[in-house]
PDB file of all heavy atoms in Angstrom:
ATOM      1  N   GLU A   1     -69.726  51.296  73.726  1.00  0.00           N
ATOM      2  CA  GLU A   1     -69.385  50.149  74.561  1.00  0.00           C
ATOM      3  C   GLU A   1     -67.974  49.654  74.276  1.00  0.00           C
ATOM      4  O   GLU A   1     -67.260  49.217  75.188  1.00  0.00           O
ATOM      5  CB  GLU A   1     -70.412  49.033  74.359  1.00  0.00           C
ATOM      6  CG  GLU A   1     -71.787  49.390  74.929  1.00  0.00           C
ATOM      7  CD  GLU A   1     -72.785  48.267  74.799  1.00  0.00           C
ATOM      8  OE1 GLU A   1     -72.527  47.328  74.016  1.00  0.00           O
ATOM      9  OE2 GLU A   1     -73.826  48.323  75.474  1.00  0.00           O
ATOM     10  N   VAL A   2     -67.559  49.717  73.018  1.00  0.00           N
ATOM     11  CA  VAL A   2     -66.186  49.327  72.679  1.00  0.00           C
ATOM     12  C   VAL A   2     -65.191  50.286  73.331  1.00  0.00           C
ATOM     13  O   VAL A   2     -64.171  49.855  73.892  1.00  0.00           O
ATOM     14  CB  VAL A   2     -65.994  49.290  71.148  1.00  0.00           C
ATOM     15  CG1 VAL A   2     -64.515  49.153  70.804  1.00  0.00           C
ATOM     16  CG2 VAL A   2     -66.769  48.136  70.547  1.00  0.00           C
ATOM     17  N   CYS A   3     -65.469  51.585  73.268  1.00  0.00           N
ATOM     18  CA  CYS A   3     -64.569  52.563  73.885  1.00  0.00           C
ATOM     19  C   CYS A   3     -64.443  52.312  75.387  1.00  0.00           C
ATOM     20  O   CYS A   3     -63.332  52.322  75.948  1.00  0.00           O
ATOM     21  CB  CYS A   3     -65.076  53.983  73.637  1.00  0.00           C
ATOM     22  SG  CYS A   3     -64.986  54.519  71.917  1.00  0.00           S
ATOM     23  N   ALA A   4     -65.576  52.081  76.041  1.00  0.00           N
ATOM     24  CA  ALA A   4     -65.542  51.808  77.479  1.00  0.00           C
ATOM     25  C   ALA A   4     -64.802  50.512  77.785  1.00  0.00           C
ATOM     26  O   ALA A   4     -64.067  50.419  78.771  1.00  0.00           O
ATOM     27  CB  ALA A   4     -66.957  51.757  78.038  1.00  0.00           C
ATOM     28  N   ALA A   5     -65.001  49.508  76.936  1.00  0.00           N
ATOM     29  CA  ALA A   5     -64.324  48.230  77.154  1.00  0.00           C
ATOM     30  C   ALA A   5     -62.812  48.379  77.066  1.00  0.00           C
ATOM     31  O   ALA A   5     -62.066  47.795  77.857  1.00  0.00           O
ATOM     32  CB  ALA A   5     -64.825  47.199  76.146  1.00  0.00           C
ATOM     33  N   ILE A   6     -62.358  49.173  76.099  1.00  0.00           N
ATOM     34  CA  ILE A   6     -60.918  49.348  75.912  1.00  0.00           C
ATOM     35  C   ILE A   6     -60.281  50.033  77.114  1.00  0.00           C
ATOM     36  O   ILE A   6     -59.179  49.676  77.535  1.00  0.00           O
ATOM     37  CB  ILE A   6     -60.646  50.131  74.616  1.00  0.00           C
ATOM     38  CG1 ILE A   6     -60.872  49.217  73.402  1.00  0.00           C
ATOM     39  CG2 ILE A   6     -59.232  50.705  74.587  1.00  0.00           C
ATOM     40  CD1 ILE A   6     -60.721  49.899  72.071  1.00  0.00           C
ATOM     41  N   VAL A   7     -60.973  51.020  77.699  1.00  0.00           N
ATOM     42  CA  VAL A   7     -60.363  51.765  78.810  1.00  0.00           C
ATOM     43  C   VAL A   7     -60.668  51.151  80.172  1.00  0.00           C
ATOM     44  O   VAL A   7     -60.085  51.568  81.175  1.00  0.00           O
ATOM     45  CB  VAL A   7     -60.807  53.245  78.806  1.00  0.00           C
ATOM     46  CG1 VAL A   7     -60.472  53.910  77.480  1.00  0.00           C
ATOM     47  CG2 VAL A   7     -62.293  53.402  79.125  1.00  0.00           C
ATOM     48  N   SER A   8     -61.572  50.164  80.236  1.00  0.00           N
ATOM     49  CA  SER A   8     -61.991  49.638  81.539  1.00  0.00           C
ATOM     50  C   SER A   8     -60.822  49.080  82.331  1.00  0.00           C
ATOM     51  O   SER A   8     -60.772  49.214  83.563  1.00  0.00           O
ATOM     52  CB  SER A   8     -63.074  48.582  81.358  1.00  0.00           C
ATOM     53  OG  SER A   8     -62.594  47.472  80.618  1.00  0.00           O
ATOM     54  N   GLY A   9     -59.878  48.461  81.644  1.00  0.00           N
ATOM     55  CA  GLY A   9     -58.726  47.906  82.339  1.00  0.00           C
ATOM     56  C   GLY A   9     -57.749  48.943  82.840  1.00  0.00           C
ATOM     57  O   GLY A   9     -56.854  48.618  83.628  1.00  0.00           O
ATOM     58  N   LEU A  10     -57.917  50.187  82.399  1.00  0.00           N
ATOM     59  CA  LEU A  10     -57.025  51.260  82.830  1.00  0.00           C
ATOM     60  C   LEU A  10     -57.429  51.863  84.169  1.00  0.00           C
ATOM     61  O   LEU A  10     -56.685  52.643  84.755  1.00  0.00           O
ATOM     62  CB  LEU A  10     -56.992  52.377  81.769  1.00  0.00           C
ATOM     63  CG  LEU A  10     -56.410  51.985  80.413  1.00  0.00           C
ATOM     64  CD1 LEU A  10     -56.600  53.120  79.407  1.00  0.00           C
ATOM     65  CD2 LEU A  10     -54.929  51.635  80.531  1.00  0.00           C
ATOM     66  N   VAL A  11     -58.632  51.527  84.636  1.00  0.00           N
ATOM     67  CA  VAL A  11     -59.093  51.998  85.939  1.00  0.00           C
ATOM     68  C   VAL A  11     -58.412  51.166  87.027  1.00  0.00           C
ATOM     69  O   VAL A  11     -58.285  49.946  86.913  1.00  0.00           O
ATOM     70  CB  VAL A  11     -60.626  51.880  86.051  1.00  0.00           C
ATOM     71  CG1 VAL A  11     -61.099  52.345  87.425  1.00  0.00           C
ATOM     72  CG2 VAL A  11     -61.303  52.691  84.945  1.00  0.00           C
ATOM     73  N   GLY A  12     -57.973  51.817  88.081  1.00  0.00           N
ATOM     74  CA  GLY A  12     -57.303  51.109  89.170  1.00  0.00           C
ATOM     75  C   GLY A  12     -58.199  50.044  89.787  1.00  0.00           C
ATOM     76  O   GLY A  12     -59.420  50.220  89.867  1.00  0.00           O
ATOM     77  N   PRO A  13     -57.634  48.931  90.239  1.00  0.00           N
ATOM     78  CA  PRO A  13     -58.430  47.804  90.741  1.00  0.00           C
ATOM     79  C   PRO A  13     -59.201  48.111  92.015  1.00  0.00           C
ATOM     80  O   PRO A  13     -60.185  47.426  92.312  1.00  0.00           O
ATOM     81  CB  PRO A  13     -57.385  46.704  90.972  1.00  0.00           C
ATOM     82  CG  PRO A  13     -56.099  47.445  91.192  1.00  0.00           C
ATOM     83  CD  PRO A  13     -56.183  48.647  90.298  1.00  0.00           C
ATOM     84  N   ASP A  14     -58.785  49.104  92.775  1.00  0.00           N
ATOM     85  CA  ASP A  14     -59.450  49.415  94.036  1.00  0.00           C
ATOM     86  C   ASP A  14     -60.391  50.607  93.927  1.00  0.00           C
ATOM     87  O   ASP A  14     -60.890  51.102  94.950  1.00  0.00           O
ATOM     88  CB  ASP A  14     -58.404  49.697  95.121  1.00  0.00           C
ATOM     89  CG  ASP A  14     -57.514  48.499  95.390  1.00  0.00           C
ATOM     90  OD1 ASP A  14     -58.030  47.361  95.326  1.00  0.00           O
ATOM     91  OD2 ASP A  14     -56.312  48.690  95.646  1.00  0.00           O
ATOM     92  N   ALA A  15     -60.663  51.081  92.713  1.00  0.00           N
ATOM     93  CA  ALA A  15     -61.547  52.230  92.538  1.00  0.00           C
ATOM     94  C   ALA A  15     -62.941  51.911  93.063  1.00  0.00           C
ATOM     95  O   ALA A  15     -63.452  50.803  92.835  1.00  0.00           O
ATOM     96  CB  ALA A  15     -61.621  52.622  91.064  1.00  0.00           C
ATOM     97  N   PRO A  16     -63.585  52.846  93.759  1.00  0.00           N
ATOM     98  CA  PRO A  16     -64.972  52.619  94.193  1.00  0.00           C
ATOM     99  C   PRO A  16     -65.858  52.288  93.002  1.00  0.00           C
ATOM    100  O   PRO A  16     -65.711  52.871  91.923  1.00  0.00           O
ATOM    101  CB  PRO A  16     -65.353  53.957  94.833  1.00  0.00           C
ATOM    102  CG  PRO A  16     -64.048  54.570  95.259  1.00  0.00           C
ATOM    103  CD  PRO A  16     -63.059  54.147  94.210  1.00  0.00           C
ATOM    104  N   ASP A  17     -66.767  51.367  93.186  1.00  0.00           N
ATOM    105  CA  ASP A  17     -67.573  50.871  92.081  1.00  0.00           C
ATOM    106  C   ASP A  17     -68.360  51.988  91.396  1.00  0.00           C
ATOM    107  O   ASP A  17     -68.433  52.035  90.168  1.00  0.00           O
ATOM    108  CB  ASP A  17     -68.532  49.794  92.593  1.00  0.00           C
ATOM    109  CG  ASP A  17     -68.908  48.800  91.504  1.00  0.00           C
ATOM    110  OD1 ASP A  17     -68.005  48.353  90.776  1.00  0.00           O
ATOM    111  OD2 ASP A  17     -70.102  48.483  91.376  1.00  0.00           O
ATOM    112  N   ALA A  18     -68.946  52.889  92.172  1.00  0.00           N
ATOM    113  CA  ALA A  18     -69.739  53.974  91.585  1.00  0.00           C
ATOM    114  C   ALA A  18     -68.880  54.876  90.715  1.00  0.00           C
ATOM    115  O   ALA A  18     -69.288  55.280  89.613  1.00  0.00           O
ATOM    116  CB  ALA A  18     -70.416  54.790  92.691  1.00  0.00           C
ATOM    117  N   ASP A  19     -67.685  55.203  91.180  1.00  0.00           N
ATOM    118  CA  ASP A  19     -66.798  56.085  90.426  1.00  0.00           C
ATOM    119  C   ASP A  19     -66.250  55.389  89.186  1.00  0.00           C
ATOM    120  O   ASP A  19     -66.069  56.011  88.132  1.00  0.00           O
ATOM    121  CB  ASP A  19     -65.650  56.568  91.315  1.00  0.00           C
ATOM    122  CG  ASP A  19     -66.137  57.439  92.460  1.00  0.00           C
ATOM    123  OD1 ASP A  19     -67.047  58.259  92.233  1.00  0.00           O
ATOM    124  OD2 ASP A  19     -65.632  57.298  93.578  1.00  0.00           O
ATOM    125  N   ARG A  20     -65.959  54.096  89.307  1.00  0.00           N
ATOM    126  CA  ARG A  20     -65.491  53.330  88.148  1.00  0.00           C
ATOM    127  C   ARG A  20     -66.535  53.384  87.027  1.00  0.00           C
ATOM    128  O   ARG A  20     -66.212  53.683  85.883  1.00  0.00           O
ATOM    129  CB  ARG A  20     -65.242  51.875  88.549  1.00  0.00           C
ATOM    130  CG  ARG A  20     -64.955  50.947  87.369  1.00  0.00           C
ATOM    131  CD  ARG A  20     -64.970  49.484  87.810  1.00  0.00           C
ATOM    132  NE  ARG A  20     -63.960  49.238  88.820  1.00  0.00           N
ATOM    133  CZ  ARG A  20     -62.684  48.962  88.545  1.00  0.00           C
ATOM    134  NH1 ARG A  20     -62.273  48.900  87.277  1.00  0.00           N
ATOM    135  NH2 ARG A  20     -61.827  48.744  89.509  1.00  0.00           N
ATOM    136  N   TRP A  21     -67.789  53.096  87.376  1.00  0.00           N
ATOM    137  CA  TRP A  21     -68.812  53.017  86.350  1.00  0.00           C
ATOM    138  C   TRP A  21     -69.234  54.383  85.828  1.00  0.00           C
ATOM    139  O   TRP A  21     -69.642  54.508  84.675  1.00  0.00           O
ATOM    140  CB  TRP A  21     -70.012  52.218  86.866  1.00  0.00           C
ATOM    141  CG  TRP A  21     -69.701  50.753  86.824  1.00  0.00           C
ATOM    142  CD1 TRP A  21     -69.362  49.948  87.868  1.00  0.00           C
ATOM    143  CD2 TRP A  21     -69.637  49.938  85.652  1.00  0.00           C
ATOM    144  NE1 TRP A  21     -69.100  48.672  87.438  1.00  0.00           N
ATOM    145  CE2 TRP A  21     -69.266  48.633  86.060  1.00  0.00           C
ATOM    146  CE3 TRP A  21     -69.862  50.170  84.298  1.00  0.00           C
ATOM    147  CZ2 TRP A  21     -69.115  47.573  85.177  1.00  0.00           C
ATOM    148  CZ3 TRP A  21     -69.719  49.110  83.397  1.00  0.00           C
ATOM    149  CH2 TRP A  21     -69.356  47.841  83.843  1.00  0.00           C
ATOM    150  N   GLU A  22     -69.119  55.418  86.635  1.00  0.00           N
ATOM    151  CA  GLU A  22     -69.376  56.763  86.107  1.00  0.00           C
ATOM    152  C   GLU A  22     -68.302  57.140  85.089  1.00  0.00           C
ATOM    153  O   GLU A  22     -68.589  57.737  84.043  1.00  0.00           O
ATOM    154  CB  GLU A  22     -69.419  57.804  87.231  1.00  0.00           C
ATOM    155  CG  GLU A  22     -69.747  59.196  86.722  1.00  0.00           C
ATOM    156  CD  GLU A  22     -69.996  60.203  87.823  1.00  0.00           C
ATOM    157  OE1 GLU A  22     -70.136  59.793  89.002  1.00  0.00           O
ATOM    158  OE2 GLU A  22     -70.061  61.395  87.512  1.00  0.00           O
ATOM    159  N   THR A  23     -67.060  56.793  85.375  1.00  0.00           N
ATOM    160  CA  THR A  23     -65.964  57.046  84.437  1.00  0.00           C
ATOM    161  C   THR A  23     -66.211  56.326  83.119  1.00  0.00           C
ATOM    162  O   THR A  23     -66.034  56.904  82.033  1.00  0.00           O
ATOM    163  CB  THR A  23     -64.627  56.590  85.049  1.00  0.00           C
ATOM    164  OG1 THR A  23     -64.361  57.355  86.236  1.00  0.00           O
ATOM    165  CG2 THR A  23     -63.475  56.790  84.073  1.00  0.00           C
ATOM    166  N   LEU A  24     -66.624  55.072  83.175  1.00  0.00           N
ATOM    167  CA  LEU A  24     -66.877  54.315  81.956  1.00  0.00           C
ATOM    168  C   LEU A  24     -68.113  54.826  81.218  1.00  0.00           C
ATOM    169  O   LEU A  24     -68.156  54.785  79.979  1.00  0.00           O
ATOM    170  CB  LEU A  24     -67.030  52.825  82.290  1.00  0.00           C
ATOM    171  CG  LEU A  24     -65.781  52.150  82.881  1.00  0.00           C
ATOM    172  CD1 LEU A  24     -66.062  50.679  83.166  1.00  0.00           C
ATOM    173  CD2 LEU A  24     -64.589  52.298  81.950  1.00  0.00           C
ATOM    174  N   TRP A  25     -69.108  55.320  81.927  1.00  0.00           N
ATOM    175  CA  TRP A  25     -70.311  55.865  81.299  1.00  0.00           C
ATOM    176  C   TRP A  25     -69.957  57.052  80.403  1.00  0.00           C
ATOM    177  O   TRP A  25     -70.540  57.223  79.331  1.00  0.00           O
ATOM    178  CB  TRP A  25     -71.309  56.273  82.370  1.00  0.00           C
ATOM    179  CG  TRP A  25     -72.600  56.828  81.832  1.00  0.00           C
ATOM    180  CD1 TRP A  25     -73.045  58.115  81.936  1.00  0.00           C
ATOM    181  CD2 TRP A  25     -73.608  56.117  81.109  1.00  0.00           C
ATOM    182  NE1 TRP A  25     -74.260  58.256  81.326  1.00  0.00           N
ATOM    183  CE2 TRP A  25     -74.641  57.037  80.812  1.00  0.00           C
ATOM    184  CE3 TRP A  25     -73.751  54.795  80.678  1.00  0.00           C
ATOM    185  CZ2 TRP A  25     -75.787  56.681  80.104  1.00  0.00           C
ATOM    186  CZ3 TRP A  25     -74.891  54.441  79.979  1.00  0.00           C
ATOM    187  CH2 TRP A  25     -75.888  55.377  79.697  1.00  0.00           C
ATOM    188  N   HIS A  26     -69.005  57.869  80.827  1.00  0.00           N
ATOM    189  CA  HIS A  26     -68.569  58.994  79.991  1.00  0.00           C
ATOM    190  C   HIS A  26     -68.089  58.483  78.634  1.00  0.00           C
ATOM    191  O   HIS A  26     -68.339  59.106  77.598  1.00  0.00           O
ATOM    192  CB  HIS A  26     -67.440  59.765  80.678  1.00  0.00           C
ATOM    193  CG  HIS A  26     -67.835  60.361  81.996  1.00  0.00           C
ATOM    194  ND1 HIS A  26     -66.902  60.703  82.957  1.00  0.00           N
ATOM    195  CD2 HIS A  26     -69.045  60.668  82.518  1.00  0.00           C
ATOM    196  CE1 HIS A  26     -67.530  61.196  84.015  1.00  0.00           C
ATOM    197  NE2 HIS A  26     -68.825  61.188  83.768  1.00  0.00           N
ATOM    198  N   TYR A  27     -67.393  57.364  78.635  1.00  0.00           N
ATOM    199  CA  TYR A  27     -66.896  56.798  77.376  1.00  0.00           C
ATOM    200  C   TYR A  27     -68.016  56.186  76.545  1.00  0.00           C
ATOM    201  O   TYR A  27     -67.990  56.251  75.312  1.00  0.00           O
ATOM    202  CB  TYR A  27     -65.796  55.772  77.662  1.00  0.00           C
ATOM    203  CG  TYR A  27     -64.463  56.442  77.817  1.00  0.00           C
ATOM    204  CD1 TYR A  27     -64.053  56.947  79.036  1.00  0.00           C
ATOM    205  CD2 TYR A  27     -63.635  56.659  76.720  1.00  0.00           C
ATOM    206  CE1 TYR A  27     -62.855  57.620  79.178  1.00  0.00           C
ATOM    207  CE2 TYR A  27     -62.438  57.321  76.843  1.00  0.00           C
ATOM    208  CZ  TYR A  27     -62.048  57.809  78.074  1.00  0.00           C
ATOM    209  OH  TYR A  27     -60.868  58.496  78.195  1.00  0.00           O
TER     210      TYR A  27
END
């Protein structure tokens, strides 16, 4: 969860919600 939190702000603001959260799930 810490790893995902650190990179969450690096995702573009207009990213589709499903793709954003799949990216963070990998972390």
